[in-house]
Amino acid sequence: MPDRLTIVDIARLCNVGKSTVSRVLNNESGVSQKTREKVEAVIRQHHFVPSKSARAMRVQSDKLVALIVSRLNSPSENTVVSSMLPLFYQHGYDSIVMESKFDPQLVEEHLQQLRLRHADGVILFGFSGLPEEVLAPWQNNLLLFARKKEGFSSVSYDDEGAVHLLIDALYQQGHRHISFLGVHDSDMTTGLIRHQTYLECCQKLGIPTHSIQGDLSYQSGYQNVTSVITDKTTALICATDTLALGAHKFLQQQENRMIQVASIGNSPLLKFLFPDTLSVDFGYEEAGKQAAIQLIQQIDKKQPVRQMIIPSKLS
């Protein structure tokens, strides 16, 4: 066997055709799961990296970026991705979207596939538990979205500022019993930071706190409202628009309760269904544009690693 393996060598070791190996390398359909796993195992075992000619087999373009979102059904992440894609296309990049489902193992597998495909860069929607050793090889060609990590470029939201804006606005409206419907602290930004900021703001203003944290779903918002509002509650802050939609549905059924709902996100669906919601615009579109520009400039060696925070504003 030669020192540098070729696609033909990999095909021979796997007892498949070279076109099958090519499909696996390019993450294309038409290969059974069993065959795909066998080819990938041999590729990993021999540390195979396709040659430049194999790189040219990418049918769309010689330039490729990947967007690894946490949830394909996330309205906010879809808004961000929609603002990124035109910039990548404008600069001649093909883009592929992958899903992590908040699973570090899936992220590692995606990055392995992208290395085999010679992807030029990656935007990874961050979450807790991402291992440093998995990200390290991509340091100069990866941008973390909505999460900061030392040594990596990132675009983050102003979680603390968003909660401050809502608390201040509600307090000025005369509300003194403001409850909080949040996400588990295992989520650093949406969960821990937003919840802690709520507690700190209430303590500073000298008003009572009533909070509960659950998962990031409409059902959680709907089911947890009764546990977080009291007879004195006049306002409810929801950590996300998803929770706010669930909370609104419950409160609609309580015809005698007049509670001002406030939320972070300012999604079109929430504003259409419940226009009286006090919302914070997180700047999803601007964040997506800044992330795409930063990654393109990093790939072109025109911009060093840097971290950005997109300011929030009341809608």
C-alpha atoms as a PDB file:
ATOM      1  CA  MET A   1       0.000   0.000   0.000  1.00  0.00           C
ATOM      2  CA  PRO A   2       1.483   3.433  -0.888  1.00  0.00           C
ATOM      3  CA  ASP A   3       2.332   5.946   1.838  1.00  0.00           C
ATOM      4  CA  ARG A   4      -0.425   8.296   0.695  1.00  0.00           C
ATOM      5  CA  LEU A   5      -3.735   6.540   0.233  1.00  0.00           C
ATOM      6  CA  THR A   6      -6.048   7.464  -2.624  1.00  0.00           C
ATOM      7  CA  ILE A   7      -9.775   7.068  -3.018  1.00  0.00           C
ATOM      8  CA  VAL A   8      -9.070   3.920  -5.026  1.00  0.00           C
ATOM      9  CA  ASP A   9      -7.096   2.471  -2.081  1.00  0.00           C
ATOM     10  CA  ILE A  10      -9.904   3.243   0.344  1.00  0.00           C
ATOM     11  CA  ALA A  11     -12.410   1.662  -2.039  1.00  0.00           C
ATOM     12  CA  ARG A  12     -10.268  -1.490  -2.288  1.00  0.00           C
ATOM     13  CA  LEU A  13      -9.958  -1.763   1.506  1.00  0.00           C
ATOM     14  CA  CYS A  14     -13.706  -1.443   1.868  1.00  0.00           C
ATOM     15  CA  ASN A  15     -14.552  -3.647  -1.123  1.00  0.00           C
ATOM     16  CA  VAL A  16     -16.688  -0.910  -2.674  1.00  0.00           C
ATOM     17  CA  GLY A  17     -16.454   1.260  -5.751  1.00  0.00           C
ATOM     18  CA  LYS A  18     -14.552   4.560  -5.684  1.00  0.00           C
ATOM     19  CA  SER A  19     -17.812   6.395  -6.447  1.00  0.00           C
ATOM     20  CA  THR A  20     -19.171   5.077  -3.152  1.00  0.00           C
ATOM     21  CA  VAL A  21     -16.157   6.463  -1.292  1.00  0.00           C
ATOM     22  CA  SER A  22     -16.653   9.776  -3.063  1.00  0.00           C
ATOM     23  CA  ARG A  23     -20.300   9.892  -1.960  1.00  0.00           C
ATOM     24  CA  VAL A  24     -19.276   9.263   1.647  1.00  0.00           C
ATOM     25  CA  LEU A  25     -16.605  11.970   1.512  1.00  0.00           C
ATOM     26  CA  ASN A  26     -19.107  14.438   0.098  1.00  0.00           C
ATOM     27  CA  ASN A  27     -21.872  13.344   2.491  1.00  0.00           C
ATOM     28  CA  GLU A  28     -24.161  12.481  -0.415  1.00  0.00           C
ATOM     29  CA  SER A  29     -27.118  10.106  -0.445  1.00  0.00           C
ATOM     30  CA  GLY A  30     -27.196   6.737  -2.184  1.00  0.00           C
ATOM     31  CA  VAL A  31     -25.034   4.864   0.340  1.00  0.00           C
ATOM     32  CA  SER A  32     -26.433   2.471   2.939  1.00  0.00           C
ATOM     33  CA  GLN A  33     -25.763   3.295   6.591  1.00  0.00           C
ATOM     34  CA  LYS A  34     -23.742   0.089   7.047  1.00  0.00           C
ATOM     35  CA  THR A  35     -21.514   0.835   4.042  1.00  0.00           C
ATOM     36  CA  ARG A  36     -21.120   4.478   5.061  1.00  0.00           C
ATOM     37  CA  GLU A  37     -19.969   3.461   8.562  1.00  0.00           C
ATOM     38  CA  LYS A  38     -17.493   0.952   7.119  1.00  0.00           C
ATOM     39  CA  VAL A  39     -15.951   3.531   4.763  1.00  0.00           C
ATOM     40  CA  GLU A  40     -15.777   6.186   7.497  1.00  0.00           C
ATOM     41  CA  ALA A  41     -14.075   3.716   9.849  1.00  0.00           C
ATOM     42  CA  VAL A  42     -11.340   2.972   7.284  1.00  0.00           C
ATOM     43  CA  ILE A  43     -10.926   6.707   6.586  1.00  0.00           C
ATOM     44  CA  ARG A  44     -10.418   7.406  10.292  1.00  0.00           C
ATOM     45  CA  GLN A  45      -8.128   4.408  10.784  1.00  0.00           C
ATOM     46  CA  HIS A  46      -5.760   5.532   8.006  1.00  0.00           C
ATOM     47  CA  HIS A  47      -6.122   9.289   8.691  1.00  0.00           C
ATOM     48  CA  PHE A  48      -7.110   9.711   5.073  1.00  0.00           C
ATOM     49  CA  VAL A  49      -7.386  13.267   3.738  1.00  0.00           C
ATOM     50  CA  PRO A  50      -8.578  13.767   0.142  1.00  0.00           C
ATOM     51  CA  SER A  51      -6.155  15.335  -2.287  1.00  0.00           C
ATOM     52  CA  LYS A  52      -6.795  18.661  -4.001  1.00  0.00           C
ATOM     53  CA  SER A  53      -8.269  16.781  -6.913  1.00  0.00           C
ATOM     54  CA  ALA A  54     -10.744  15.166  -4.530  1.00  0.00           C
ATOM     55  CA  ARG A  55     -11.577  18.611  -3.185  1.00  0.00           C
ATOM     56  CA  ALA A  56     -12.461  19.649  -6.723  1.00  0.00           C
ATOM     57  CA  MET A  57     -15.093  16.905  -6.825  1.00  0.00           C
ATOM     58  CA  ARG A  58     -17.424  19.184  -4.883  1.00  0.00           C
ATOM     59  CA  VAL A  59     -19.928  19.868  -7.606  1.00  0.00           C
ATOM     60  CA  GLN A  60     -21.274  23.172  -6.347  1.00  0.00           C
ATOM     61  CA  SER A  61     -18.162  25.239  -5.728  1.00  0.00           C
ATOM     62  CA  ASP A  62     -14.538  25.229  -4.628  1.00  0.00           C
ATOM     63  CA  LYS A  63     -15.544  27.252  -1.579  1.00  0.00           C
ATOM     64  CA  LEU A  64     -17.654  25.785   1.198  1.00  0.00           C
ATOM     65  CA  VAL A  65     -18.856  26.964   4.603  1.00  0.00           C
ATOM     66  CA  ALA A  66     -21.010  25.066   7.087  1.00  0.00           C
ATOM     67  CA  LEU A  67     -23.602  26.371   9.524  1.00  0.00           C
ATOM     68  CA  ILE A  68     -24.121  23.999  12.457  1.00  0.00           C
ATOM     69  CA  VAL A  69     -27.365  25.099  14.107  1.00  0.00           C
ATOM     70  CA  SER A  70     -28.605  23.675  17.382  1.00  0.00           C
ATOM     71  CA  ARG A  71     -32.214  23.129  16.200  1.00  0.00           C
ATOM     72  CA  LEU A  72     -33.504  23.152  12.644  1.00  0.00           C
ATOM     73  CA  ASN A  73     -36.954  24.163  13.930  1.00  0.00           C
ATOM     74  CA  SER A  74     -35.724  27.202  15.876  1.00  0.00           C
ATOM     75  CA  PRO A  75     -37.386  30.380  14.497  1.00  0.00           C
ATOM     76  CA  SER A  76     -34.606  32.612  15.846  1.00  0.00           C
ATOM     77  CA  GLU A  77     -31.799  30.492  14.401  1.00  0.00           C
ATOM     78  CA  ASN A  78     -33.617  30.301  11.057  1.00  0.00           C
ATOM     79  CA  THR A  79     -33.789  34.107  11.014  1.00  0.00           C
ATOM     80  CA  VAL A  80     -30.050  34.294  11.693  1.00  0.00           C
ATOM     81  CA  VAL A  81     -29.200  31.748   9.001  1.00  0.00           C
ATOM     82  CA  SER A  82     -31.399  33.565   6.479  1.00  0.00           C
ATOM     83  CA  SER A  83     -29.361  36.733   7.013  1.00  0.00           C
ATOM     84  CA  MET A  84     -26.053  34.863   6.619  1.00  0.00           C
ATOM     85  CA  LEU A  85     -26.710  32.979   3.391  1.00  0.00           C
ATOM     86  CA  PRO A  86     -26.900  35.942   0.965  1.00  0.00           C
ATOM     87  CA  LEU A  87     -23.489  37.162   2.128  1.00  0.00           C
ATOM     88  CA  PHE A  88     -21.882  33.760   1.663  1.00  0.00           C
ATOM     89  CA  TYR A  89     -23.425  33.375  -1.797  1.00  0.00           C
ATOM     90  CA  GLN A  90     -22.301  36.890  -2.695  1.00  0.00           C
ATOM     91  CA  HIS A  91     -18.704  35.909  -1.894  1.00  0.00           C
ATOM     92  CA  GLY A  92     -18.879  32.664  -3.891  1.00  0.00           C
ATOM     93  CA  TYR A  93     -19.359  30.213  -1.031  1.00  0.00           C
ATOM     94  CA  ASP A  94     -21.673  27.243  -1.068  1.00  0.00           C
ATOM     95  CA  SER A  95     -23.331  26.707   2.311  1.00  0.00           C
ATOM     96  CA  ILE A  96     -24.579  23.592   4.046  1.00  0.00           C
ATOM     97  CA  VAL A  97     -26.705  23.539   7.194  1.00  0.00           C
ATOM     98  CA  MET A  98     -26.234  20.820   9.823  1.00  0.00           C
ATOM     99  CA  GLU A  99     -27.960  20.224  13.168  1.00  0.00           C
ATOM    100  CA  SER A 100     -26.261  19.529  16.507  1.00  0.00           C
ATOM    101  CA  LYS A 101     -29.337  18.955  18.721  1.00  0.00           C
ATOM    102  CA  PHE A 102     -27.131  20.250  21.575  1.00  0.00           C
ATOM    103  CA  ASP A 103     -25.077  17.034  21.291  1.00  0.00           C
ATOM    104  CA  PRO A 104     -21.255  17.425  21.482  1.00  0.00           C
ATOM    105  CA  GLN A 105     -20.809  14.031  19.806  1.00  0.00           C
ATOM    106  CA  LEU A 106     -22.833  15.165  16.801  1.00  0.00           C
ATOM    107  CA  VAL A 107     -20.731  18.325  16.577  1.00  0.00           C
ATOM    108  CA  GLU A 108     -17.563  16.225  16.551  1.00  0.00           C
ATOM    109  CA  GLU A 109     -18.952  14.008  13.782  1.00  0.00           C
ATOM    110  CA  HIS A 110     -20.000  17.030  11.723  1.00  0.00           C
ATOM    111  CA  LEU A 111     -16.576  18.642  12.052  1.00  0.00           C
ATOM    112  CA  GLN A 112     -14.918  15.376  11.030  1.00  0.00           C
ATOM    113  CA  GLN A 113     -17.039  15.268   7.879  1.00  0.00           C
ATOM    114  CA  LEU A 114     -16.286  18.903   7.152  1.00  0.00           C
ATOM    115  CA  ARG A 115     -12.550  18.309   7.518  1.00  0.00           C
ATOM    116  CA  LEU A 116     -12.783  15.491   4.978  1.00  0.00           C
ATOM    117  CA  ARG A 117     -14.633  17.829   2.633  1.00  0.00           C
ATOM    118  CA  HIS A 118     -12.062  20.590   3.131  1.00  0.00           C
ATOM    119  CA  ALA A 119     -14.670  23.066   4.335  1.00  0.00           C
ATOM    120  CA  ASP A 120     -13.243  26.585   4.416  1.00  0.00           C
ATOM    121  CA  GLY A 121     -15.051  27.675   7.555  1.00  0.00           C
ATOM    122  CA  VAL A 122     -17.739  26.887  10.108  1.00  0.00           C
ATOM    123  CA  ILE A 123     -20.278  28.883  12.089  1.00  0.00           C
ATOM    124  CA  LEU A 124     -21.276  26.835  15.125  1.00  0.00           C
ATOM    125  CA  PHE A 125     -24.298  27.797  17.212  1.00  0.00           C
ATOM    126  CA  GLY A 126     -22.804  27.231  20.637  1.00  0.00           C
ATOM    127  CA  PHE A 127     -24.102  25.485  23.739  1.00  0.00           C
ATOM    128  CA  SER A 128     -22.720  24.193  27.031  1.00  0.00           C
ATOM    129  CA  GLY A 129     -20.399  21.191  27.015  1.00  0.00           C
ATOM    130  CA  LEU A 130     -18.538  21.718  23.756  1.00  0.00           C
ATOM    131  CA  PRO A 131     -15.101  20.081  24.226  1.00  0.00           C
ATOM    132  CA  GLU A 132     -12.092  22.321  23.569  1.00  0.00           C
ATOM    133  CA  GLU A 133     -10.122  19.592  21.809  1.00  0.00           C
ATOM    134  CA  VAL A 134     -12.852  19.161  19.186  1.00  0.00           C
ATOM    135  CA  LEU A 135     -12.922  22.870  18.345  1.00  0.00           C
ATOM    136  CA  ALA A 136      -9.166  23.541  18.565  1.00  0.00           C
ATOM    137  CA  PRO A 137      -8.234  22.387  15.014  1.00  0.00           C
ATOM    138  CA  TRP A 138     -10.752  24.885  13.612  1.00  0.00           C
ATOM    139  CA  GLN A 139      -9.697  27.866  15.711  1.00  0.00           C
ATOM    140  CA  ASN A 140      -8.863  30.183  12.807  1.00  0.00           C
ATOM    141  CA  ASN A 141     -11.785  29.111  10.623  1.00  0.00           C
ATOM    142  CA  LEU A 142     -14.621  28.788  13.116  1.00  0.00           C
ATOM    143  CA  LEU A 143     -16.994  31.311  14.647  1.00  0.00           C
ATOM    144  CA  LEU A 144     -19.097  30.528  17.695  1.00  0.00           C
ATOM    145  CA  PHE A 145     -22.574  31.992  17.585  1.00  0.00           C
ATOM    146  CA  ALA A 146     -24.422  33.025  20.771  1.00  0.00           C
ATOM    147  CA  ARG A 147     -21.593  31.720  22.942  1.00  0.00           C
ATOM    148  CA  LYS A 148     -18.137  33.028  23.819  1.00  0.00           C
ATOM    149  CA  LYS A 149     -14.973  30.939  24.210  1.00  0.00           C
ATOM    150  CA  GLU A 150     -11.462  32.256  24.745  1.00  0.00           C
ATOM    151  CA  GLY A 151      -9.360  32.175  21.567  1.00  0.00           C
ATOM    152  CA  PHE A 152     -12.312  31.864  19.173  1.00  0.00           C
ATOM    153  CA  SER A 153     -14.268  34.437  17.235  1.00  0.00           C
ATOM    154  CA  SER A 154     -17.838  34.839  18.415  1.00  0.00           C
ATOM    155  CA  VAL A 155     -20.996  36.861  17.941  1.00  0.00           C
ATOM    156  CA  SER A 156     -23.132  36.981  21.091  1.00  0.00           C
ATOM    157  CA  TYR A 157     -26.368  38.549  22.207  1.00  0.00           C
ATOM    158  CA  ASP A 158     -26.604  40.994  25.103  1.00  0.00           C
ATOM    159  CA  ASP A 159     -28.533  38.707  27.478  1.00  0.00           C
ATOM    160  CA  GLU A 160     -27.985  40.889  30.524  1.00  0.00           C
ATOM    161  CA  GLY A 161     -28.900  44.069  28.677  1.00  0.00           C
ATOM    162  CA  ALA A 162     -32.123  42.521  27.357  1.00  0.00           C
ATOM    163  CA  VAL A 163     -33.372  41.653  30.837  1.00  0.00           C
ATOM    164  CA  HIS A 164     -32.372  45.091  32.149  1.00  0.00           C
ATOM    165  CA  LEU A 165     -34.409  46.748  29.391  1.00  0.00           C
ATOM    166  CA  LEU A 166     -37.534  44.759  30.265  1.00  0.00           C
ATOM    167  CA  ILE A 167     -37.243  45.205  34.027  1.00  0.00           C
ATOM    168  CA  ASP A 168     -36.643  48.943  33.689  1.00  0.00           C
ATOM    169  CA  ALA A 169     -39.569  49.404  31.296  1.00  0.00           C
ATOM    170  CA  LEU A 170     -41.970  47.407  33.466  1.00  0.00           C
ATOM    171  CA  TYR A 171     -40.859  49.189  36.633  1.00  0.00           C
ATOM    172  CA  GLN A 172     -41.411  52.571  35.009  1.00  0.00           C
ATOM    173  CA  GLN A 173     -44.923  51.416  34.050  1.00  0.00           C
ATOM    174  CA  GLY A 174     -45.625  50.872  37.755  1.00  0.00           C
ATOM    175  CA  HIS A 175     -45.187  47.102  38.009  1.00  0.00           C
ATOM    176  CA  ARG A 176     -43.807  45.923  41.370  1.00  0.00           C
ATOM    177  CA  HIS A 177     -44.638  42.224  41.189  1.00  0.00           C
ATOM    178  CA  ILE A 178     -42.791  40.902  38.136  1.00  0.00           C
ATOM    179  CA  SER A 179     -42.463  37.145  37.686  1.00  0.00           C
ATOM    180  CA  PHE A 180     -39.953  35.335  35.475  1.00  0.00           C
ATOM    181  CA  LEU A 181     -40.431  32.262  33.286  1.00  0.00           C
ATOM    182  CA  GLY A 182     -37.067  30.906  32.218  1.00  0.00           C
ATOM    183  CA  VAL A 183     -34.934  28.026  30.995  1.00  0.00           C
ATOM    184  CA  HIS A 184     -32.833  25.620  33.054  1.00  0.00           C
ATOM    185  CA  ASP A 185     -29.472  26.995  34.253  1.00  0.00           C
ATOM    186  CA  SER A 186     -27.710  24.255  32.288  1.00  0.00           C
ATOM    187  CA  ASP A 187     -28.142  26.640  29.351  1.00  0.00           C
ATOM    188  CA  MET A 188     -25.564  29.305  30.168  1.00  0.00           C
ATOM    189  CA  THR A 189     -27.011  32.221  28.216  1.00  0.00           C
ATOM    190  CA  THR A 190     -30.747  31.704  27.744  1.00  0.00           C
ATOM    191  CA  GLY A 191     -30.971  30.011  31.131  1.00  0.00           C
ATOM    192  CA  LEU A 192     -28.414  31.035  33.742  1.00  0.00           C
ATOM    193  CA  ILE A 193     -27.478  34.566  32.640  1.00  0.00           C
ATOM    194  CA  ARG A 194     -31.031  35.775  32.001  1.00  0.00           C
ATOM    195  CA  HIS A 195     -32.316  34.268  35.250  1.00  0.00           C
ATOM    196  CA  GLN A 196     -29.494  35.685  37.368  1.00  0.00           C
ATOM    197  CA  THR A 197     -29.919  39.112  35.802  1.00  0.00           C
ATOM    198  CA  TYR A 198     -33.623  39.059  36.681  1.00  0.00           C
ATOM    199  CA  LEU A 199     -32.834  38.183  40.306  1.00  0.00           C
ATOM    200  CA  GLU A 200     -30.158  40.879  40.548  1.00  0.00           C
ATOM    201  CA  CYS A 201     -32.411  43.560  39.017  1.00  0.00           C
ATOM    202  CA  CYS A 202     -35.273  42.763  41.384  1.00  0.00           C
ATOM    203  CA  GLN A 203     -32.927  42.832  44.385  1.00  0.00           C
ATOM    204  CA  LYS A 204     -31.553  46.205  43.319  1.00  0.00           C
ATOM    205  CA  LEU A 205     -35.071  47.633  42.937  1.00  0.00           C
ATOM    206  CA  GLY A 206     -36.262  46.080  46.186  1.00  0.00           C
ATOM    207  CA  ILE A 207     -39.107  44.110  44.628  1.00  0.00           C
ATOM    208  CA  PRO A 208     -39.986  40.430  45.257  1.00  0.00           C
ATOM    209  CA  THR A 209     -38.901  37.647  42.911  1.00  0.00           C
ATOM    210  CA  HIS A 210     -41.005  34.780  41.604  1.00  0.00           C
ATOM    211  CA  SER A 211     -39.314  32.580  39.015  1.00  0.00           C
ATOM    212  CA  ILE A 212     -39.410  29.102  37.574  1.00  0.00           C
ATOM    213  CA  GLN A 213     -37.230  27.420  34.951  1.00  0.00           C
ATOM    214  CA  GLY A 214     -38.122  24.650  32.541  1.00  0.00           C
ATOM    215  CA  ASP A 215     -37.232  23.494  29.067  1.00  0.00           C
ATOM    216  CA  LEU A 216     -37.326  25.542  25.885  1.00  0.00           C
ATOM    217  CA  SER A 217     -40.775  24.659  24.563  1.00  0.00           C
ATOM    218  CA  TYR A 218     -44.282  26.031  24.147  1.00  0.00           C
ATOM    219  CA  GLN A 219     -45.515  23.349  26.548  1.00  0.00           C
ATOM    220  CA  SER A 220     -43.091  24.482  29.256  1.00  0.00           C
ATOM    221  CA  GLY A 221     -44.345  28.036  28.937  1.00  0.00           C
ATOM    222  CA  TYR A 222     -47.959  26.896  29.127  1.00  0.00           C
ATOM    223  CA  GLN A 223     -47.553  24.473  32.020  1.00  0.00           C
ATOM    224  CA  ASN A 224     -45.285  26.545  34.259  1.00  0.00           C
ATOM    225  CA  VAL A 225     -47.271  29.788  34.334  1.00  0.00           C
ATOM    226  CA  THR A 226     -49.400  28.728  37.306  1.00  0.00           C
ATOM    227  CA  SER A 227     -46.265  28.000  39.335  1.00  0.00           C
ATOM    228  CA  VAL A 228     -44.749  31.448  38.796  1.00  0.00           C
ATOM    229  CA  ILE A 229     -47.635  33.919  39.069  1.00  0.00           C
ATOM    230  CA  THR A 230     -49.269  34.953  42.347  1.00  0.00           C
ATOM    231  CA  ASP A 231     -52.380  36.916  43.176  1.00  0.00           C
ATOM    232  CA  LYS A 232     -50.237  40.080  43.113  1.00  0.00           C
ATOM    233  CA  THR A 233     -48.408  39.394  39.850  1.00  0.00           C
ATOM    234  CA  THR A 234     -48.983  42.120  37.258  1.00  0.00           C
ATOM    235  CA  ALA A 235     -46.175  41.352  34.795  1.00  0.00           C
ATOM    236  CA  LEU A 236     -44.414  38.249  33.498  1.00  0.00           C
ATOM    237  CA  ILE A 237     -41.002  38.212  31.794  1.00  0.00           C
ATOM    238  CA  CYS A 238     -40.392  35.221  29.519  1.00  0.00           C
ATOM    239  CA  ALA A 239     -36.796  34.318  28.655  1.00  0.00           C
ATOM    240  CA  THR A 240     -37.785  33.500  25.058  1.00  0.00           C
ATOM    241  CA  ASP A 241     -40.638  34.088  22.641  1.00  0.00           C
ATOM    242  CA  THR A 242     -41.336  30.356  22.599  1.00  0.00           C
ATOM    243  CA  LEU A 243     -42.087  30.412  26.322  1.00  0.00           C
ATOM    244  CA  ALA A 244     -44.094  33.611  25.870  1.00  0.00           C
ATOM    245  CA  LEU A 245     -46.372  31.974  23.290  1.00  0.00           C
ATOM    246  CA  GLY A 246     -47.098  29.127  25.708  1.00  0.00           C
ATOM    247  CA  ALA A 247     -47.706  31.566  28.577  1.00  0.00           C
ATOM    248  CA  HIS A 248     -50.026  33.702  26.455  1.00  0.00           C
ATOM    249  CA  LYS A 249     -52.133  30.680  25.552  1.00  0.00           C
ATOM    250  CA  PHE A 250     -52.631  29.845  29.222  1.00  0.00           C
ATOM    251  CA  LEU A 251     -53.383  33.427  30.232  1.00  0.00           C
ATOM    252  CA  GLN A 252     -55.949  33.745  27.436  1.00  0.00           C
ATOM    253  CA  GLN A 253     -57.918  31.029  29.169  1.00  0.00           C
ATOM    254  CA  GLN A 254     -57.909  33.002  32.440  1.00  0.00           C
ATOM    255  CA  GLU A 255     -60.245  35.797  31.392  1.00  0.00           C
ATOM    256  CA  ASN A 256     -60.036  37.647  34.697  1.00  0.00           C
ATOM    257  CA  ARG A 257     -56.246  37.911  34.752  1.00  0.00           C
ATOM    258  CA  MET A 258     -54.650  41.027  33.272  1.00  0.00           C
ATOM    259  CA  ILE A 259     -50.912  40.411  33.168  1.00  0.00           C
ATOM    260  CA  GLN A 260     -48.406  42.282  31.012  1.00  0.00           C
ATOM    261  CA  VAL A 261     -46.257  39.708  29.219  1.00  0.00           C
ATOM    262  CA  ALA A 262     -42.719  40.679  28.237  1.00  0.00           C
ATOM    263  CA  SER A 263     -40.323  38.588  26.177  1.00  0.00           C
ATOM    264  CA  ILE A 264     -36.900  38.436  24.570  1.00  0.00           C
ATOM    265  CA  GLY A 265     -36.820  37.871  20.818  1.00  0.00           C
ATOM    266  CA  ASN A 266     -39.471  40.011  19.122  1.00  0.00           C
ATOM    267  CA  SER A 267     -40.413  37.245  16.679  1.00  0.00           C
ATOM    268  CA  PRO A 268     -42.962  38.083  13.940  1.00  0.00           C
ATOM    269  CA  LEU A 269     -45.276  35.289  15.113  1.00  0.00           C
ATOM    270  CA  LEU A 270     -45.439  36.585  18.682  1.00  0.00           C
ATOM    271  CA  LYS A 271     -46.020  40.167  17.562  1.00  0.00           C
ATOM    272  CA  PHE A 272     -48.738  39.071  15.135  1.00  0.00           C
ATOM    273  CA  LEU A 273     -50.648  36.933  17.646  1.00  0.00           C
ATOM    274  CA  PHE A 274     -50.032  39.077  20.733  1.00  0.00           C
ATOM    275  CA  PRO A 275     -49.121  42.637  19.652  1.00  0.00           C
ATOM    276  CA  ASP A 276     -49.363  43.963  23.234  1.00  0.00           C
ATOM    277  CA  THR A 277     -46.317  41.940  24.288  1.00  0.00           C
ATOM    278  CA  LEU A 278     -43.426  44.062  25.520  1.00  0.00           C
ATOM    279  CA  SER A 279     -40.520  42.733  23.458  1.00  0.00           C
ATOM    280  CA  VAL A 280     -36.776  43.098  23.212  1.00  0.00           C
ATOM    281  CA  ASP A 281     -35.300  42.904  19.727  1.00  0.00           C
ATOM    282  CA  PHE A 282     -32.140  40.800  19.994  1.00  0.00           C
ATOM    283  CA  GLY A 283     -30.882  41.856  16.571  1.00  0.00           C
ATOM    284  CA  TYR A 284     -30.959  38.409  14.971  1.00  0.00           C
ATOM    285  CA  GLU A 285     -30.475  39.656  11.419  1.00  0.00           C
ATOM    286  CA  GLU A 286     -27.634  42.012  12.325  1.00  0.00           C
ATOM    287  CA  ALA A 287     -25.946  39.272  14.350  1.00  0.00           C
ATOM    288  CA  GLY A 288     -26.131  36.882  11.395  1.00  0.00           C
ATOM    289  CA  LYS A 289     -24.650  39.440   9.014  1.00  0.00           C
ATOM    290  CA  GLN A 290     -21.786  40.288  11.377  1.00  0.00           C
ATOM    291  CA  ALA A 291     -21.014  36.606  11.893  1.00  0.00           C
ATOM    292  CA  ALA A 292     -20.883  35.905   8.153  1.00  0.00           C
ATOM    293  CA  ILE A 293     -18.676  38.948   7.475  1.00  0.00           C
ATOM    294  CA  GLN A 294     -16.290  37.995  10.282  1.00  0.00           C
ATOM    295  CA  LEU A 295     -15.907  34.394   9.076  1.00  0.00           C
ATOM    296  CA  ILE A 296     -15.358  35.444   5.445  1.00  0.00           C
ATOM    297  CA  GLN A 297     -12.695  37.927   6.501  1.00  0.00           C
ATOM    298  CA  GLN A 298     -11.004  35.354   8.724  1.00  0.00           C
ATOM    299  CA  ILE A 299     -10.882  32.864   5.866  1.00  0.00           C
ATOM    300  CA  ASP A 300      -9.352  35.569   3.662  1.00  0.00           C
ATOM    301  CA  LYS A 301      -6.824  36.443   6.433  1.00  0.00           C
ATOM    302  CA  LYS A 302      -8.177  40.000   6.519  1.00  0.00           C
ATOM    303  CA  GLN A 303      -9.457  39.874  10.097  1.00  0.00           C
ATOM    304  CA  PRO A 304      -8.017  38.334  13.296  1.00  0.00           C
ATOM    305  CA  VAL A 305     -10.067  36.379  15.813  1.00  0.00           C
ATOM    306  CA  ARG A 306     -12.424  38.731  17.655  1.00  0.00           C
ATOM    307  CA  GLN A 307     -15.542  38.673  19.813  1.00  0.00           C
ATOM    308  CA  MET A 308     -18.618  40.846  19.230  1.00  0.00           C
ATOM    309  CA  ILE A 309     -21.775  41.528  21.241  1.00  0.00           C
ATOM    310  CA  ILE A 310     -24.906  42.712  19.417  1.00  0.00           C
ATOM    311  CA  PRO A 311     -26.820  45.290  21.489  1.00  0.00           C
ATOM    312  CA  SER A 312     -30.490  44.734  22.343  1.00  0.00           C
ATOM    313  CA  LYS A 313     -33.277  47.281  22.029  1.00  0.00           C
ATOM    314  CA  LEU A 314     -36.937  47.546  22.982  1.00  0.00           C
ATOM    315  CA  SER A 315     -39.146  46.973  19.964  1.00  0.00           C
END
